[in-house]
Amino acid sequence: MNSSTTYANPAAMAAAARAQAPGFVFGPWFDGLLIIGSPLLALLAGILVADKDPSEFSFMQGQSPNRVAHVVMFTITMAHLAAVFFRSHGNAKIFRQYPLRFTLAPALLLAAISLSGWILASVIVLGVWWDVYHSSAQTFGLCRIYDMKRGNPAETGRRLDFWLNILIYCGPILAGVTLFDHLKSFHSFDRIDAALFASVPAFASEYQRFLTWGLVGVGLPFLLFYIGSYVRLARQGYQVSVQKTALLVTTALVSLVTWGFNSFGEAFFIMNFFHAVQYFAIVWWSERKNIGQLFGYDDSREGTVKTLLMFLALPLMFGMTAALAAHWNNQILLNIQIVVSIMHFWYDGFIWSVRKKQVAA
């Protein structure tokens, strides 16, 4: 292939970059910005927008110190939730396999939360904590992709990576200062006078110190076990992925600083920022061919650019609508937003499982 052909075809350019820098998804620069380095970039962004005076705009679980920055961040966060529909409804092959999950399930959930205060409150709490698990699972999935890029067997170290990602993402929440912010979702039960469930935040805050010491007691030995296990695997032929190691380090550091201590008051901003950026990057990597086919575009430079614009524009339109819904406090729009969130967590999980072989290819 001559150089002119390579530079005319974005797919060929990406393949050439990966050949020169093995072990990366896109290449050192894009991986460094969009995947490995995104937690640090998000931390920097959170520091820059930090302010002591809260505004009236509510972002996730609390008020926002910087109205403009947080409206933008909220829009991006909601946009990444909607991007999952390119993987479900936009993929004809998968849609035909699970038509009821993609049509009947969201309609039934919307009806249920619109008609029942109990179901609405329960789903709100479920969404907050499913989001925590989902975010840790995303980093776990990226770790496995980097291992795959190094040629390691799919099951080697899989459970170790899973539990490490649960620890570094969920541990700082349960043991840190943002636990109460995550538990605020239980106040949804105040609307239906469910005092027992509404009292969970106060109960958890009172006994959090025991949870903290328990996590330290379990977490530190596990970290030593994790390192020791991979040293043993390396001696048996496992190829250590520098990219995976760097991703784990940046994620653990930012998770501890933000969820654990929240020194800048921007924990939700920071963690949602890099999670959304990583998600857009990895969905583009795994689904761009299907997205192009959905809109009738080929893999030429022009077709790829058009595909990318549609991939970003449609979810961002939903994100902007969700931001307006939060401002208007329109319950119907807020319920739709909740359904999209729950479907994102559910769809993304089982689609990765269904497409495991396709992604590996």
Protein backbone atom coordinates (compact mmCIF):
# COMPACT_ATOMS: atom_id res chain seq x y z
CA MET A 1 0.00 0.00 0.00
CA ASN A 2 1.48 3.36 -0.95
CA SER A 3 1.54 6.39 1.37
CA SER A 4 -1.14 8.32 -0.53
CA THR A 5 -3.60 5.45 -0.14
CA THR A 6 -2.83 5.16 3.56
CA TYR A 7 -3.51 8.82 4.25
CA ALA A 8 -6.72 8.78 2.20
CA ASN A 9 -8.27 6.02 4.31
CA PRO A 10 -8.81 6.68 8.05
CA ALA A 11 -9.10 2.95 8.79
CA ALA A 12 -5.74 2.32 7.12
CA MET A 13 -4.23 5.21 9.08
CA ALA A 14 -5.48 3.74 12.34
CA ALA A 15 -4.14 0.30 11.43
CA ALA A 16 -0.75 1.78 10.57
CA ALA A 17 -0.64 3.66 13.88
CA ARG A 18 -1.46 0.48 15.82
CA ALA A 19 1.23 -1.44 13.92
CA GLN A 20 3.80 1.15 14.97
CA ALA A 21 2.56 1.23 18.58
CA PRO A 22 1.32 -2.27 19.51
CA GLY A 23 -0.81 -2.65 22.61
CA PHE A 24 -2.88 0.49 22.07
CA VAL A 25 -6.52 0.76 20.99
CA PHE A 26 -6.08 3.88 18.83
CA GLY A 27 -2.40 4.75 19.29
CA PRO A 28 -0.29 6.41 21.99
CA TRP A 29 -1.64 9.94 21.56
CA PHE A 30 -5.34 9.15 21.35
CA ASP A 31 -5.17 6.48 24.05
CA GLY A 32 -3.20 8.85 26.23
CA LEU A 33 -5.86 11.55 25.91
CA LEU A 34 -9.13 9.62 25.61
CA ILE A 35 -8.56 6.53 27.76
CA ILE A 36 -5.45 6.34 29.93
CA GLY A 37 -4.97 10.02 30.63
CA SER A 38 -8.64 11.05 30.72
CA PRO A 39 -8.94 10.64 34.54
CA LEU A 40 -6.07 13.10 35.03
CA LEU A 41 -7.53 15.52 32.46
CA ALA A 42 -10.89 15.30 34.23
CA LEU A 43 -9.22 15.99 37.57
CA LEU A 44 -7.55 19.08 36.10
CA ALA A 45 -10.88 20.23 34.65
CA GLY A 46 -12.54 19.76 38.04
CA ILE A 47 -9.90 21.85 39.74
CA LEU A 48 -10.28 24.62 37.16
CA VAL A 49 -14.06 24.91 37.56
CA ALA A 50 -14.05 24.57 41.35
CA ASP A 51 -15.71 27.45 43.17
CA LYS A 52 -16.88 28.00 46.71
CA ASP A 53 -20.22 29.60 45.84
CA PRO A 54 -22.81 27.06 44.59
CA SER A 55 -25.15 28.03 41.78
CA GLU A 56 -28.81 27.10 41.37
CA PHE A 57 -28.16 24.41 38.76
CA SER A 58 -28.34 20.91 40.22
CA PHE A 59 -25.73 18.53 38.83
CA MET A 60 -26.25 14.87 39.73
CA GLN A 61 -26.50 14.76 43.55
CA GLY A 62 -25.78 18.37 44.51
CA GLN A 63 -25.59 21.99 43.46
CA SER A 64 -23.02 23.11 40.94
CA PRO A 65 -20.28 25.61 41.78
CA ASN A 66 -19.91 26.65 38.14
CA ARG A 67 -23.17 26.86 36.22
CA VAL A 68 -21.87 26.94 32.63
CA ALA A 69 -19.23 24.23 33.11
CA HIS A 70 -21.66 21.95 34.88
CA VAL A 71 -24.45 22.35 32.35
CA VAL A 72 -21.94 21.34 29.68
CA MET A 73 -20.75 18.41 31.78
CA PHE A 74 -24.31 17.30 32.52
CA THR A 75 -25.06 17.42 28.79
CA ILE A 76 -22.03 15.25 27.98
CA THR A 77 -22.90 12.81 30.78
CA MET A 78 -26.43 12.34 29.53
CA ALA A 79 -25.20 12.15 25.93
CA HIS A 80 -22.94 9.20 26.71
CA LEU A 81 -25.93 7.40 28.24
CA ALA A 82 -27.84 7.80 24.98
CA ALA A 83 -24.86 6.61 22.92
CA VAL A 84 -25.59 3.03 23.98
CA PHE A 85 -28.53 2.98 21.55
CA PHE A 86 -26.05 2.87 18.67
CA ARG A 87 -24.99 -0.50 20.11
CA SER A 88 -28.49 -1.82 20.72
CA HIS A 89 -31.14 -0.38 18.42
CA GLY A 90 -28.56 0.76 15.86
CA ASN A 91 -27.06 -2.70 15.45
CA ALA A 92 -29.53 -4.66 13.33
CA LYS A 93 -27.98 -8.03 14.11
CA ILE A 94 -28.20 -7.60 17.89
CA PHE A 95 -31.60 -5.89 17.71
CA ARG A 96 -33.07 -8.93 15.95
CA GLN A 97 -31.75 -11.16 18.75
CA TYR A 98 -33.37 -9.19 21.57
CA PRO A 99 -36.36 -7.23 20.17
CA LEU A 100 -38.38 -7.30 23.41
CA ARG A 101 -35.48 -5.97 25.49
CA PHE A 102 -35.09 -3.05 23.12
CA THR A 103 -38.78 -2.17 22.73
CA LEU A 104 -41.04 -3.55 25.45
CA ALA A 105 -38.64 -3.28 28.42
CA PRO A 106 -38.07 0.52 28.29
CA ALA A 107 -41.77 1.17 27.64
CA LEU A 108 -42.79 -0.93 30.66
CA LEU A 109 -40.19 0.74 32.87
CA LEU A 110 -41.37 4.22 31.84
CA ALA A 111 -44.97 3.29 32.59
CA ALA A 112 -44.03 1.77 35.95
CA ILE A 113 -42.07 4.75 37.27
CA SER A 114 -44.74 7.15 35.98
CA LEU A 115 -47.55 5.31 37.79
CA SER A 116 -45.88 4.23 41.02
CA GLY A 117 -44.01 6.44 43.48
CA TRP A 118 -42.50 3.36 45.11
CA ILE A 119 -41.08 2.09 41.83
CA LEU A 120 -39.80 5.56 40.92
CA ALA A 121 -37.96 5.96 44.22
CA SER A 122 -36.53 2.45 44.00
CA VAL A 123 -35.31 2.96 40.43
CA ILE A 124 -33.66 6.26 41.36
CA VAL A 125 -31.66 4.51 44.10
CA LEU A 126 -30.92 1.59 41.78
CA GLY A 127 -29.66 3.97 39.09
CA VAL A 128 -27.18 5.69 41.42
CA TRP A 129 -25.59 2.45 42.62
CA TRP A 130 -25.79 0.67 39.27
CA ASP A 131 -23.89 3.64 37.87
CA VAL A 132 -21.12 3.03 40.42
CA TYR A 133 -20.84 -0.63 39.42
CA HIS A 134 -21.15 0.16 35.70
CA SER A 135 -18.31 2.69 35.86
CA SER A 136 -15.97 0.22 37.53
CA ALA A 137 -16.99 -2.42 34.97
CA GLN A 138 -16.09 -0.05 32.13
CA THR A 139 -12.53 0.31 33.39
CA PHE A 140 -12.41 -3.47 33.83
CA GLY A 141 -13.47 -3.90 30.20
CA LEU A 142 -10.76 -1.52 29.04
CA CYS A 143 -8.20 -3.49 31.04
CA ARG A 144 -9.26 -6.69 29.28
CA ILE A 145 -9.01 -5.02 25.87
CA TYR A 146 -5.46 -3.92 26.64
CA ASP A 147 -4.62 -7.46 27.74
CA MET A 148 -6.10 -8.76 24.49
CA LYS A 149 -3.93 -6.29 22.56
CA ARG A 150 -0.88 -7.82 24.23
CA GLY A 151 -1.97 -11.30 23.12
CA ASN A 152 -2.86 -12.63 26.57
CA PRO A 153 -5.57 -15.33 26.97
CA ALA A 154 -9.02 -13.88 27.69
CA GLU A 155 -9.39 -15.55 31.10
CA THR A 156 -5.89 -14.86 32.43
CA GLY A 157 -6.19 -12.45 35.36
CA ARG A 158 -9.83 -11.73 34.57
CA ARG A 159 -11.16 -12.14 38.12
CA LEU A 160 -8.20 -10.28 39.56
CA ASP A 161 -8.90 -7.29 37.30
CA PHE A 162 -12.62 -7.40 38.06
CA TRP A 163 -12.21 -7.21 41.82
CA LEU A 164 -9.42 -4.65 41.61
CA ASN A 165 -11.64 -2.32 39.61
CA ILE A 166 -14.48 -2.78 42.07
CA LEU A 167 -12.06 -1.90 44.87
CA ILE A 168 -10.47 1.18 43.30
CA TYR A 169 -13.79 2.65 42.15
CA CYS A 170 -16.27 1.62 44.84
CA GLY A 171 -13.89 1.51 47.81
CA PRO A 172 -13.24 5.28 47.97
CA ILE A 173 -16.99 5.91 47.74
CA LEU A 174 -17.90 3.59 50.61
CA ALA A 175 -15.00 4.71 52.80
CA GLY A 176 -14.80 8.38 51.76
CA VAL A 177 -16.57 11.68 52.09
CA THR A 178 -18.87 11.21 49.07
CA LEU A 179 -20.77 8.26 50.54
CA PHE A 180 -23.47 10.57 51.87
CA ASP A 181 -23.82 12.24 48.45
CA HIS A 182 -24.48 8.84 46.89
CA LEU A 183 -26.97 8.00 49.62
CA LYS A 184 -28.99 11.16 49.00
CA SER A 185 -30.91 9.17 46.41
CA PHE A 186 -32.71 7.45 49.32
CA HIS A 187 -34.42 10.77 50.06
CA SER A 188 -36.59 9.93 47.06
CA PHE A 189 -38.55 7.80 49.52
CA ASP A 190 -39.52 10.97 51.43
CA ARG A 191 -42.13 11.63 48.74
CA ILE A 192 -44.00 8.46 49.65
CA ASP A 193 -43.42 8.70 53.44
CA ALA A 194 -41.20 5.60 53.51
CA ALA A 195 -39.31 6.66 56.64
CA LEU A 196 -37.34 3.43 56.97
CA PHE A 197 -35.67 3.75 53.55
CA ALA A 198 -35.31 7.52 53.83
CA SER A 199 -33.29 7.05 57.05
CA VAL A 200 -30.59 4.97 55.33
CA PRO A 201 -28.21 7.96 54.77
CA ALA A 202 -28.21 8.89 58.46
CA PHE A 203 -27.70 5.27 59.52
CA ALA A 204 -24.85 4.71 57.06
CA SER A 205 -23.09 7.93 58.03
CA GLU A 206 -23.18 6.95 61.69
CA TYR A 207 -21.46 3.61 61.08
CA GLN A 208 -19.24 4.55 58.13
CA ARG A 209 -16.04 4.37 60.20
CA PHE A 210 -16.52 0.61 60.60
CA LEU A 211 -16.99 0.28 56.85
CA THR A 212 -13.83 2.31 56.25
CA TRP A 213 -11.67 0.14 58.49
CA GLY A 214 -13.20 -2.99 56.98
CA LEU A 215 -12.30 -1.86 53.47
CA VAL A 216 -8.76 -0.99 54.52
CA GLY A 217 -8.42 -4.38 56.16
CA VAL A 218 -9.58 -6.18 53.02
CA GLY A 219 -8.23 -3.79 50.38
CA LEU A 220 -4.56 -3.64 51.33
CA PRO A 221 -4.07 -7.44 51.49
CA PHE A 222 -5.90 -7.76 48.16
CA LEU A 223 -3.57 -5.23 46.51
CA LEU A 224 -0.57 -7.26 47.66
CA PHE A 225 -2.25 -10.44 46.44
CA TYR A 226 -3.03 -8.82 43.07
CA ILE A 227 0.56 -7.72 42.52
CA GLY A 228 1.93 -11.08 43.63
CA SER A 229 -0.47 -12.94 41.34
CA TYR A 230 0.59 -10.95 38.28
CA VAL A 231 4.27 -11.42 39.10
CA ARG A 232 3.60 -15.16 39.11
CA LEU A 233 1.63 -14.95 35.85
CA ALA A 234 4.43 -12.96 34.21
CA ARG A 235 6.89 -15.69 35.08
CA GLN A 236 4.53 -18.14 33.35
CA GLY A 237 4.46 -16.13 30.12
CA TYR A 238 1.86 -13.42 30.72
CA GLN A 239 2.73 -10.24 28.78
CA VAL A 240 2.39 -7.21 31.05
CA SER A 241 0.41 -4.40 29.42
CA VAL A 242 1.95 -1.04 30.19
CA GLN A 243 -1.24 0.61 28.95
CA LYS A 244 -3.43 -1.39 31.33
CA THR A 245 -1.12 -0.69 34.24
CA ALA A 246 -1.13 3.05 33.50
CA LEU A 247 -4.93 3.07 33.21
CA LEU A 248 -5.31 1.37 36.59
CA VAL A 249 -2.89 3.80 38.23
CA THR A 250 -4.58 6.94 36.87
CA THR A 251 -8.07 5.64 37.66
CA ALA A 252 -7.14 4.59 41.20
CA LEU A 253 -5.41 7.89 41.91
CA VAL A 254 -8.27 10.06 40.68
CA SER A 255 -10.91 7.86 42.32
CA LEU A 256 -9.13 8.12 45.69
CA VAL A 257 -8.64 11.88 45.43
CA THR A 258 -12.19 12.62 44.28
CA TRP A 259 -14.50 9.98 45.78
CA GLY A 260 -12.36 9.56 48.89
CA PHE A 261 -11.56 13.16 49.82
CA ASN A 262 -13.34 15.45 47.33
CA SER A 263 -10.91 18.24 48.18
CA PHE A 264 -12.12 20.38 45.27
CA GLY A 265 -15.84 19.68 45.72
CA GLU A 266 -16.08 18.33 42.17
CA ALA A 267 -16.19 14.54 42.59
CA PHE A 268 -19.25 13.91 40.40
CA PHE A 269 -18.02 16.34 37.75
CA ILE A 270 -14.59 14.69 37.53
CA MET A 271 -15.65 11.05 37.58
CA ASN A 272 -18.50 11.52 35.10
CA PHE A 273 -16.24 13.54 32.82
CA PHE A 274 -13.64 10.86 32.18
CA HIS A 275 -16.16 8.01 32.22
CA ALA A 276 -18.13 9.69 29.40
CA VAL A 277 -15.00 10.45 27.34
CA GLN A 278 -13.79 6.85 27.65
CA TYR A 279 -17.22 5.52 26.74
CA PHE A 280 -17.49 7.58 23.57
CA ALA A 281 -13.98 6.47 22.58
CA ILE A 282 -14.56 2.77 23.13
CA VAL A 283 -17.99 2.71 21.45
CA TRP A 284 -16.49 4.47 18.44
CA TRP A 285 -13.74 1.84 18.33
CA SER A 286 -16.13 -1.11 18.56
CA GLU A 287 -19.16 0.18 16.65
CA ARG A 288 -18.04 2.73 14.07
CA LYS A 289 -18.56 0.32 11.16
CA ASN A 290 -22.13 -0.45 12.27
CA ILE A 291 -22.84 3.24 12.86
CA GLY A 292 -21.63 4.07 9.36
CA GLN A 293 -23.84 1.36 7.88
CA LEU A 294 -26.80 2.67 9.90
CA PHE A 295 -26.55 6.06 8.17
CA GLY A 296 -25.44 4.66 4.80
CA TYR A 297 -21.87 5.98 4.94
CA ASP A 298 -18.80 4.12 3.66
CA ASP A 299 -15.36 3.93 5.32
CA SER A 300 -13.79 6.67 3.19
CA ARG A 301 -12.46 9.81 4.86
CA GLU A 302 -15.65 11.73 4.08
CA GLY A 303 -17.87 8.86 5.18
CA THR A 304 -15.94 8.40 8.43
CA VAL A 305 -16.19 12.12 9.25
CA LYS A 306 -19.95 12.09 8.60
CA THR A 307 -20.34 8.97 10.75
CA LEU A 308 -18.40 10.59 13.59
CA LEU A 309 -20.51 13.75 13.42
CA MET A 310 -23.75 11.75 13.64
CA PHE A 311 -22.30 9.61 16.43
CA LEU A 312 -21.60 12.73 18.49
CA ALA A 313 -24.46 15.03 17.44
CA LEU A 314 -27.46 12.79 18.18
CA PRO A 315 -26.45 11.86 21.76
CA LEU A 316 -25.50 15.50 22.47
CA MET A 317 -28.96 16.59 21.35
CA PHE A 318 -30.44 14.22 23.92
CA GLY A 319 -27.99 15.55 26.52
CA MET A 320 -29.10 19.13 25.91
CA THR A 321 -32.75 18.09 26.18
CA ALA A 322 -31.98 16.35 29.49
CA ALA A 323 -30.29 19.51 30.79
CA LEU A 324 -33.41 21.51 29.92
CA ALA A 325 -35.56 18.89 31.65
CA ALA A 326 -33.50 19.32 34.82
CA HIS A 327 -33.98 23.08 34.59
CA TRP A 328 -37.72 22.87 33.86
CA ASN A 329 -38.26 20.13 36.47
CA ASN A 330 -40.59 18.40 34.02
CA GLN A 331 -41.42 15.00 35.53
CA ILE A 332 -42.20 13.28 32.22
CA LEU A 333 -38.86 14.33 30.75
CA LEU A 334 -37.09 13.39 33.98
CA ASN A 335 -38.69 9.94 33.87
CA ILE A 336 -37.48 9.45 30.30
CA GLN A 337 -34.02 10.46 31.46
CA ILE A 338 -34.17 7.83 34.23
CA VAL A 339 -35.24 5.13 31.75
CA VAL A 340 -32.36 6.00 29.41
CA SER A 341 -29.93 5.75 32.34
CA ILE A 342 -31.18 2.32 33.40
CA MET A 343 -31.25 1.03 29.83
CA HIS A 344 -27.69 2.28 29.34
CA PHE A 345 -26.42 0.23 32.29
CA TRP A 346 -28.39 -2.85 31.28
CA TYR A 347 -27.85 -2.76 27.52
CA ASP A 348 -24.16 -2.00 27.72
CA GLY A 349 -23.48 -4.93 30.03
CA PHE A 350 -25.11 -7.69 28.05
CA ILE A 351 -24.11 -6.30 24.63
CA TRP A 352 -20.44 -6.54 25.62
CA SER A 353 -21.11 -10.14 26.54
CA VAL A 354 -22.90 -10.89 23.26
CA ARG A 355 -20.24 -9.16 21.17
CA LYS A 356 -17.20 -10.47 23.03
CA LYS A 357 -16.02 -12.54 20.06
CA GLN A 358 -16.76 -9.76 17.59
CA VAL A 359 -14.88 -7.19 19.68
CA ALA A 360 -11.90 -9.52 20.02
CA ALA A 361 -11.82 -9.91 16.25
